[in-house]
Amino acid sequence: MKSLTDVVSGAGLSGYAEIALVIFLIAFIGIVISLFAPSKRQTYERMRHLPIDAESADLPPYRDTDDPSLRRG
């Protein structure tokens, strides 16, 4: 009777692990780039002050004004 280690090693599945690692790295790098993108600076600055800003209590919930689905007309 073969052991599970022999069956899995003989199945040739090592390529899937490498592909998964590459996909993960691409996704991680994309998230980091989008996090530090200069175009998002104004959004992050506003969000940074929301918890402590006394005037923010009068504001409606945050909406991304750059999102075209939120535009009227």
PDB file of N, CA and C in Angstrom:
ATOM      1  N   MET A   1       0.836  -1.182   0.000  1.00  0.00           N
ATOM      2  CA  MET A   1       0.000   0.000   0.000  1.00  0.00           C
ATOM      3  C   MET A   1       0.882   1.246   0.000  1.00  0.00           C
ATOM      4  N   LYS A   2       0.564   2.169  -0.882  1.00  0.00           N
ATOM      5  CA  LYS A   2       1.339   3.403  -0.968  1.00  0.00           C
ATOM      6  C   LYS A   2       0.899   4.380   0.124  1.00  0.00           C
ATOM      7  N   SER A   3       1.862   5.169   0.580  1.00  0.00           N
ATOM      8  CA  SER A   3       1.523   6.190   1.580  1.00  0.00           C
ATOM      9  C   SER A   3       0.983   7.436   0.865  1.00  0.00           C
ATOM     10  N   LEU A   4       0.335   8.272   1.626  1.00  0.00           N
ATOM     11  CA  LEU A   4      -0.233   9.504   1.064  1.00  0.00           C
ATOM     12  C   LEU A   4       0.865  10.394   0.487  1.00  0.00           C
ATOM     13  N   THR A   5       2.017  10.407   1.113  1.00  0.00           N
ATOM     14  CA  THR A   5       3.149  11.201   0.620  1.00  0.00           C
ATOM     15  C   THR A   5       3.568  10.746  -0.773  1.00  0.00           C
ATOM     16  N   ASP A   6       3.607   9.440  -0.997  1.00  0.00           N
ATOM     17  CA  ASP A   6       3.988   8.925  -2.308  1.00  0.00           C
ATOM     18  C   ASP A   6       2.960   9.290  -3.377  1.00  0.00           C
ATOM     19  N   VAL A   7       1.682   9.215  -3.021  1.00  0.00           N
ATOM     20  CA  VAL A   7       0.619   9.526  -3.978  1.00  0.00           C
ATOM     21  C   VAL A   7       0.648  11.001  -4.355  1.00  0.00           C
ATOM     22  N   VAL A   8       0.749  11.886  -3.367  1.00  0.00           N
ATOM     23  CA  VAL A   8       0.732  13.323  -3.626  1.00  0.00           C
ATOM     24  C   VAL A   8       1.990  13.753  -4.377  1.00  0.00           C
ATOM     25  N   SER A   9       3.140  13.223  -3.999  1.00  0.00           N
ATOM     26  CA  SER A   9       4.368  13.617  -4.702  1.00  0.00           C
ATOM     27  C   SER A   9       4.380  13.100  -6.137  1.00  0.00           C
ATOM     28  N   GLY A  10       3.750  11.997  -6.394  1.00  0.00           N
ATOM     29  CA  GLY A  10       3.692  11.448  -7.736  1.00  0.00           C
ATOM     30  C   GLY A  10       2.631  12.089  -8.614  1.00  0.00           C
ATOM     31  N   ALA A  11       1.740  12.867  -8.022  1.00  0.00           N
ATOM     32  CA  ALA A  11       0.646  13.480  -8.783  1.00  0.00           C
ATOM     33  C   ALA A  11       1.099  14.697  -9.577  1.00  0.00           C
ATOM     34  N   GLY A  12       2.254  15.238  -9.266  1.00  0.00           N
ATOM     35  CA  GLY A  12       2.766  16.384 -10.014  1.00  0.00           C
ATOM     36  C   GLY A  12       2.006  17.678  -9.742  1.00  0.00           C
ATOM     37  N   LEU A  13       1.644  17.911  -8.501  1.00  0.00           N
ATOM     38  CA  LEU A  13       0.864  19.095  -8.141  1.00  0.00           C
ATOM     39  C   LEU A  13       1.721  20.279  -7.704  1.00  0.00           C
ATOM     40  N   SER A  14       3.022  20.154  -7.763  1.00  0.00           N
ATOM     41  CA  SER A  14       3.883  21.228  -7.279  1.00  0.00           C
ATOM     42  C   SER A  14       3.745  22.497  -8.116  1.00  0.00           C
ATOM     43  N   GLY A  15       3.366  22.365  -9.358  1.00  0.00           N
ATOM     44  CA  GLY A  15       3.192  23.536 -10.216  1.00  0.00           C
ATOM     45  C   GLY A  15       2.056  24.435  -9.756  1.00  0.00           C
ATOM     46  N   TYR A  16       1.010  23.851  -9.171  1.00  0.00           N
ATOM     47  CA  TYR A  16      -0.120  24.638  -8.682  1.00  0.00           C
ATOM     48  C   TYR A  16       0.288  25.557  -7.535  1.00  0.00           C
ATOM     49  N   ALA A  17       1.171  25.074  -6.672  1.00  0.00           N
ATOM     50  CA  ALA A  17       1.645  25.894  -5.566  1.00  0.00           C
ATOM     51  C   ALA A  17       2.434  27.095  -6.087  1.00  0.00           C
ATOM     52  N   GLU A  18       3.222  26.892  -7.104  1.00  0.00           N
ATOM     53  CA  GLU A  18       3.998  27.992  -7.677  1.00  0.00           C
ATOM     54  C   GLU A  18       3.095  29.004  -8.362  1.00  0.00           C
ATOM     55  N   ILE A  19       2.082  28.524  -9.072  1.00  0.00           N
ATOM     56  CA  ILE A  19       1.134  29.427  -9.721  1.00  0.00           C
ATOM     57  C   ILE A  19       0.364  30.232  -8.688  1.00  0.00           C
ATOM     58  N   ALA A  20      -0.052  29.576  -7.598  1.00  0.00           N
ATOM     59  CA  ALA A  20      -0.770  30.275  -6.534  1.00  0.00           C
ATOM     60  C   ALA A  20       0.109  31.347  -5.899  1.00  0.00           C
ATOM     61  N   LEU A  21       1.382  31.052  -5.714  1.00  0.00           N
ATOM     62  CA  LEU A  21       2.300  32.028  -5.141  1.00  0.00           C
ATOM     63  C   LEU A  21       2.451  33.241  -6.056  1.00  0.00           C
ATOM     64  N   VAL A  22       2.572  33.025  -7.338  1.00  0.00           N
ATOM     65  CA  VAL A  22       2.700  34.132  -8.294  1.00  0.00           C
ATOM     66  C   VAL A  22       1.428  34.980  -8.303  1.00  0.00           C
ATOM     67  N   ILE A  23       0.258  34.337  -8.290  1.00  0.00           N
ATOM     68  CA  ILE A  23      -1.008  35.091  -8.266  1.00  0.00           C
ATOM     69  C   ILE A  23      -1.110  35.914  -6.985  1.00  0.00           C
ATOM     70  N   PHE A  24      -0.739  35.330  -5.842  1.00  0.00           N
ATOM     71  CA  PHE A  24      -0.758  36.048  -4.582  1.00  0.00           C
ATOM     72  C   PHE A  24       0.174  37.255  -4.623  1.00  0.00           C
ATOM     73  N   LEU A  25       1.377  37.084  -5.123  1.00  0.00           N
ATOM     74  CA  LEU A  25       2.326  38.192  -5.184  1.00  0.00           C
ATOM     75  C   LEU A  25       1.825  39.314  -6.091  1.00  0.00           C
ATOM     76  N   ILE A  26       1.219  38.965  -7.216  1.00  0.00           N
ATOM     77  CA  ILE A  26       0.673  39.983  -8.120  1.00  0.00           C
ATOM     78  C   ILE A  26      -0.449  40.749  -7.426  1.00  0.00           C
ATOM     79  N   ALA A  27      -1.336  40.031  -6.733  1.00  0.00           N
ATOM     80  CA  ALA A  27      -2.437  40.689  -6.013  1.00  0.00           C
ATOM     81  C   ALA A  27      -1.898  41.577  -4.899  1.00  0.00           C
ATOM     82  N   PHE A  28      -0.914  41.103  -4.154  1.00  0.00           N
ATOM     83  CA  PHE A  28      -0.338  41.881  -3.058  1.00  0.00           C
ATOM     84  C   PHE A  28       0.325  43.150  -3.571  1.00  0.00           C
ATOM     85  N   ILE A  29       1.091  43.041  -4.627  1.00  0.00           N
ATOM     86  CA  ILE A  29       1.762  44.218  -5.202  1.00  0.00           C
ATOM     87  C   ILE A  29       0.721  45.209  -5.729  1.00  0.00           C
ATOM     88  N   GLY A  30      -0.349  44.709  -6.349  1.00  0.00           N
ATOM     89  CA  GLY A  30      -1.416  45.591  -6.825  1.00  0.00           C
ATOM     90  C   GLY A  30      -2.093  46.344  -5.692  1.00  0.00           C
ATOM     91  N   ILE A  31      -2.326  45.676  -4.583  1.00  0.00           N
ATOM     92  CA  ILE A  31      -2.948  46.328  -3.430  1.00  0.00           C
ATOM     93  C   ILE A  31      -2.021  47.386  -2.854  1.00  0.00           C
ATOM     94  N   VAL A  32      -0.752  47.075  -2.734  1.00  0.00           N
ATOM     95  CA  VAL A  32       0.208  48.046  -2.192  1.00  0.00           C
ATOM     96  C   VAL A  32       0.317  49.264  -3.103  1.00  0.00           C
ATOM     97  N   ILE A  33       0.354  49.049  -4.404  1.00  0.00           N
ATOM     98  CA  ILE A  33       0.431  50.177  -5.344  1.00  0.00           C
ATOM     99  C   ILE A  33      -0.819  51.037  -5.253  1.00  0.00           C
ATOM    100  N   SER A  34      -1.988  50.402  -5.173  1.00  0.00           N
ATOM    101  CA  SER A  34      -3.217  51.200  -5.087  1.00  0.00           C
ATOM    102  C   SER A  34      -3.320  51.920  -3.750  1.00  0.00           C
ATOM    103  N   LEU A  35      -2.741  51.360  -2.705  1.00  0.00           N
ATOM    104  CA  LEU A  35      -2.777  52.003  -1.395  1.00  0.00           C
ATOM    105  C   LEU A  35      -1.953  53.283  -1.387  1.00  0.00           C
ATOM    106  N   PHE A  36      -0.806  53.261  -2.037  1.00  0.00           N
ATOM    107  CA  PHE A  36       0.085  54.416  -2.021  1.00  0.00           C
ATOM    108  C   PHE A  36      -0.019  55.276  -3.279  1.00  0.00           C
ATOM    109  N   ALA A  37      -1.049  55.098  -4.066  1.00  0.00           N
ATOM    110  CA  ALA A  37      -1.229  55.896  -5.279  1.00  0.00           C
ATOM    111  C   ALA A  37      -1.501  57.355  -4.903  1.00  0.00           C
ATOM    112  N   PRO A  38      -0.830  58.291  -5.556  1.00  0.00           N
ATOM    113  CA  PRO A  38      -1.030  59.708  -5.232  1.00  0.00           C
ATOM    114  C   PRO A  38      -2.467  60.175  -5.447  1.00  0.00           C
ATOM    115  N   SER A  39      -3.195  59.545  -6.324  1.00  0.00           N
ATOM    116  CA  SER A  39      -4.560  59.974  -6.592  1.00  0.00           C
ATOM    117  C   SER A  39      -5.497  59.692  -5.416  1.00  0.00           C
ATOM    118  N   LYS A  40      -5.118  58.821  -4.511  1.00  0.00           N
ATOM    119  CA  LYS A  40      -5.954  58.478  -3.356  1.00  0.00           C
ATOM    120  C   LYS A  40      -5.613  59.304  -2.115  1.00  0.00           C
ATOM    121  N   ARG A  41      -4.637  60.174  -2.195  1.00  0.00           N
ATOM    122  CA  ARG A  41      -4.175  60.915  -1.022  1.00  0.00           C
ATOM    123  C   ARG A  41      -5.287  61.747  -0.392  1.00  0.00           C
ATOM    124  N   GLN A  42      -6.070  62.453  -1.182  1.00  0.00           N
ATOM    125  CA  GLN A  42      -7.131  63.301  -0.644  1.00  0.00           C
ATOM    126  C   GLN A  42      -8.188  62.444   0.069  1.00  0.00           C
ATOM    127  N   THR A  43      -8.528  61.321  -0.486  1.00  0.00           N
ATOM    128  CA  THR A  43      -9.508  60.428   0.128  1.00  0.00           C
ATOM    129  C   THR A  43      -9.006  59.920   1.470  1.00  0.00           C
ATOM    130  N   TYR A  44      -7.752  59.488   1.521  1.00  0.00           N
ATOM    131  CA  TYR A  44      -7.203  58.960   2.764  1.00  0.00           C
ATOM    132  C   TYR A  44      -7.041  60.054   3.812  1.00  0.00           C
ATOM    133  N   GLU A  45      -6.692  61.258   3.402  1.00  0.00           N
ATOM    134  CA  GLU A  45      -6.577  62.360   4.360  1.00  0.00           C
ATOM    135  C   GLU A  45      -7.924  62.661   5.004  1.00  0.00           C
ATOM    136  N   ARG A  46      -8.988  62.665   4.210  1.00  0.00           N
ATOM    137  CA  ARG A  46     -10.321  62.928   4.757  1.00  0.00           C
ATOM    138  C   ARG A  46     -10.740  61.798   5.699  1.00  0.00           C
ATOM    139  N   MET A  47     -10.492  60.575   5.297  1.00  0.00           N
ATOM    140  CA  MET A  47     -10.869  59.434   6.121  1.00  0.00           C
ATOM    141  C   MET A  47     -10.049  59.369   7.409  1.00  0.00           C
ATOM    142  N   ARG A  48      -8.813  59.845   7.361  1.00  0.00           N
ATOM    143  CA  ARG A  48      -7.949  59.817   8.538  1.00  0.00           C
ATOM    144  C   ARG A  48      -8.489  60.679   9.653  1.00  0.00           C
ATOM    145  N   HIS A  49      -9.142  61.789   9.307  1.00  0.00           N
ATOM    146  CA  HIS A  49      -9.625  62.722  10.313  1.00  0.00           C
ATOM    147  C   HIS A  49     -11.075  62.491  10.718  1.00  0.00           C
ATOM    148  N   LEU A  50     -11.770  61.572  10.100  1.00  0.00           N
ATOM    149  CA  LEU A  50     -13.182  61.351  10.405  1.00  0.00           C
ATOM    150  C   LEU A  50     -13.450  60.993  11.866  1.00  0.00           C
ATOM    151  N   PRO A  51     -12.692  60.124  12.496  1.00  0.00           N
ATOM    152  CA  PRO A  51     -13.033  59.750  13.872  1.00  0.00           C
ATOM    153  C   PRO A  51     -12.865  60.880  14.886  1.00  0.00           C
ATOM    154  N   ILE A  52     -11.973  61.838  14.625  1.00  0.00           N
ATOM    155  CA  ILE A  52     -11.705  62.866  15.624  1.00  0.00           C
ATOM    156  C   ILE A  52     -12.193  64.255  15.225  1.00  0.00           C
ATOM    157  N   ASP A  53     -12.664  64.395  14.010  1.00  0.00           N
ATOM    158  CA  ASP A  53     -13.106  65.690  13.522  1.00  0.00           C
ATOM    159  C   ASP A  53     -14.504  66.002  14.061  1.00  0.00           C
ATOM    160  N   ALA A  54     -14.648  67.096  14.802  1.00  0.00           N
ATOM    161  CA  ALA A  54     -15.936  67.453  15.394  1.00  0.00           C
ATOM    162  C   ALA A  54     -16.956  67.807  14.317  1.00  0.00           C
ATOM    163  N   GLU A  55     -16.511  68.339  13.200  1.00  0.00           N
ATOM    164  CA  GLU A  55     -17.429  68.722  12.136  1.00  0.00           C
ATOM    165  C   GLU A  55     -17.937  67.519  11.351  1.00  0.00           C
ATOM    166  N   SER A  56     -17.249  66.395  11.450  1.00  0.00           N
ATOM    167  CA  SER A  56     -17.645  65.229  10.664  1.00  0.00           C
ATOM    168  C   SER A  56     -18.957  64.621  11.149  1.00  0.00           C
ATOM    169  N   ALA A  57     -19.394  64.979  12.356  1.00  0.00           N
ATOM    170  CA  ALA A  57     -20.660  64.451  12.858  1.00  0.00           C
ATOM    171  C   ALA A  57     -21.829  64.988  12.040  1.00  0.00           C
ATOM    172  N   ASP A  58     -21.675  66.137  11.422  1.00  0.00           N
ATOM    173  CA  ASP A  58     -22.739  66.732  10.623  1.00  0.00           C
ATOM    174  C   ASP A  58     -22.713  66.256   9.172  1.00  0.00           C
ATOM    175  N   LEU A  59     -21.682  65.538   8.772  1.00  0.00           N
ATOM    176  CA  LEU A  59     -21.542  65.104   7.390  1.00  0.00           C
ATOM    177  C   LEU A  59     -22.319  63.811   7.156  1.00  0.00           C
ATOM    178  N   PRO A  60     -22.797  63.618   5.947  1.00  0.00           N
ATOM    179  CA  PRO A  60     -23.428  62.320   5.630  1.00  0.00           C
ATOM    180  C   PRO A  60     -22.353  61.247   5.582  1.00  0.00           C
ATOM    181  N   PRO A  61     -22.720  59.979   5.560  1.00  0.00           N
ATOM    182  CA  PRO A  61     -21.712  58.906   5.482  1.00  0.00           C
ATOM    183  C   PRO A  61     -20.802  59.104   4.269  1.00  0.00           C
ATOM    184  N   TYR A  62     -19.573  58.654   4.398  1.00  0.00           N
ATOM    185  CA  TYR A  62     -18.570  58.841   3.350  1.00  0.00           C
ATOM    186  C   TYR A  62     -18.997  58.179   2.051  1.00  0.00           C
ATOM    187  N   ARG A  63     -18.865  58.926   0.965  1.00  0.00           N
ATOM    188  CA  ARG A  63     -19.102  58.396  -0.381  1.00  0.00           C
ATOM    189  C   ARG A  63     -17.964  58.847  -1.269  1.00  0.00           C
ATOM    190  N   ASP A  64     -17.454  57.930  -2.030  1.00  0.00           N
ATOM    191  CA  ASP A  64     -16.355  58.223  -2.946  1.00  0.00           C
ATOM    192  C   ASP A  64     -16.906  59.007  -4.133  1.00  0.00           C
ATOM    193  N   THR A  65     -16.517  60.274  -4.225  1.00  0.00           N
ATOM    194  CA  THR A  65     -17.038  61.124  -5.298  1.00  0.00           C
ATOM    195  C   THR A  65     -16.428  60.789  -6.645  1.00  0.00           C
ATOM    196  N   ASP A  66     -15.360  59.989  -6.664  1.00  0.00           N
ATOM    197  CA  ASP A  66     -14.742  59.602  -7.929  1.00  0.00           C
ATOM    198  C   ASP A  66     -15.449  58.412  -8.568  1.00  0.00           C
ATOM    199  N   ASP A  67     -16.337  57.770  -7.833  1.00  0.00           N
ATOM    200  CA  ASP A  67     -17.038  56.600  -8.348  1.00  0.00           C
ATOM    201  C   ASP A  67     -18.134  57.047  -9.317  1.00  0.00           C
ATOM    202  N   PRO A  68     -18.039  56.687 -10.601  1.00  0.00           N
ATOM    203  CA  PRO A  68     -19.036  57.161 -11.581  1.00  0.00           C
ATOM    204  C   PRO A  68     -20.435  56.627 -11.294  1.00  0.00           C
ATOM    205  N   SER A  69     -20.570  55.513 -10.593  1.00  0.00           N
ATOM    206  CA  SER A  69     -21.911  54.986 -10.326  1.00  0.00           C
ATOM    207  C   SER A  69     -22.667  55.832  -9.311  1.00  0.00           C
ATOM    208  N   LEU A  70     -21.964  56.723  -8.598  1.00  0.00           N
ATOM    209  CA  LEU A  70     -22.618  57.551  -7.609  1.00  0.00           C
ATOM    210  C   LEU A  70     -23.029  58.918  -8.157  1.00  0.00           C
ATOM    211  N   ARG A  71     -22.654  59.215  -9.376  1.00  0.00           N
ATOM    212  CA  ARG A  71     -22.996  60.516  -9.970  1.00  0.00           C
ATOM    213  C   ARG A  71     -24.444  60.546 -10.417  1.00  0.00           C
ATOM    214  N   ARG A  72     -25.041  61.677 -10.258  1.00  0.00           N
ATOM    215  CA  ARG A  72     -26.438  61.848 -10.703  1.00  0.00           C
ATOM    216  C   ARG A  72     -26.463  62.407 -12.107  1.00  0.00           C
ATOM    217  N   GLY A  73     -27.513  62.049 -12.831  1.00  0.00           N
ATOM    218  CA  GLY A  73     -27.730  62.673 -14.135  1.00  0.00           C
ATOM    219  C   GLY A  73     -27.179  61.968 -15.270  1.00  0.00           C
TER     220      GLY A  73
END
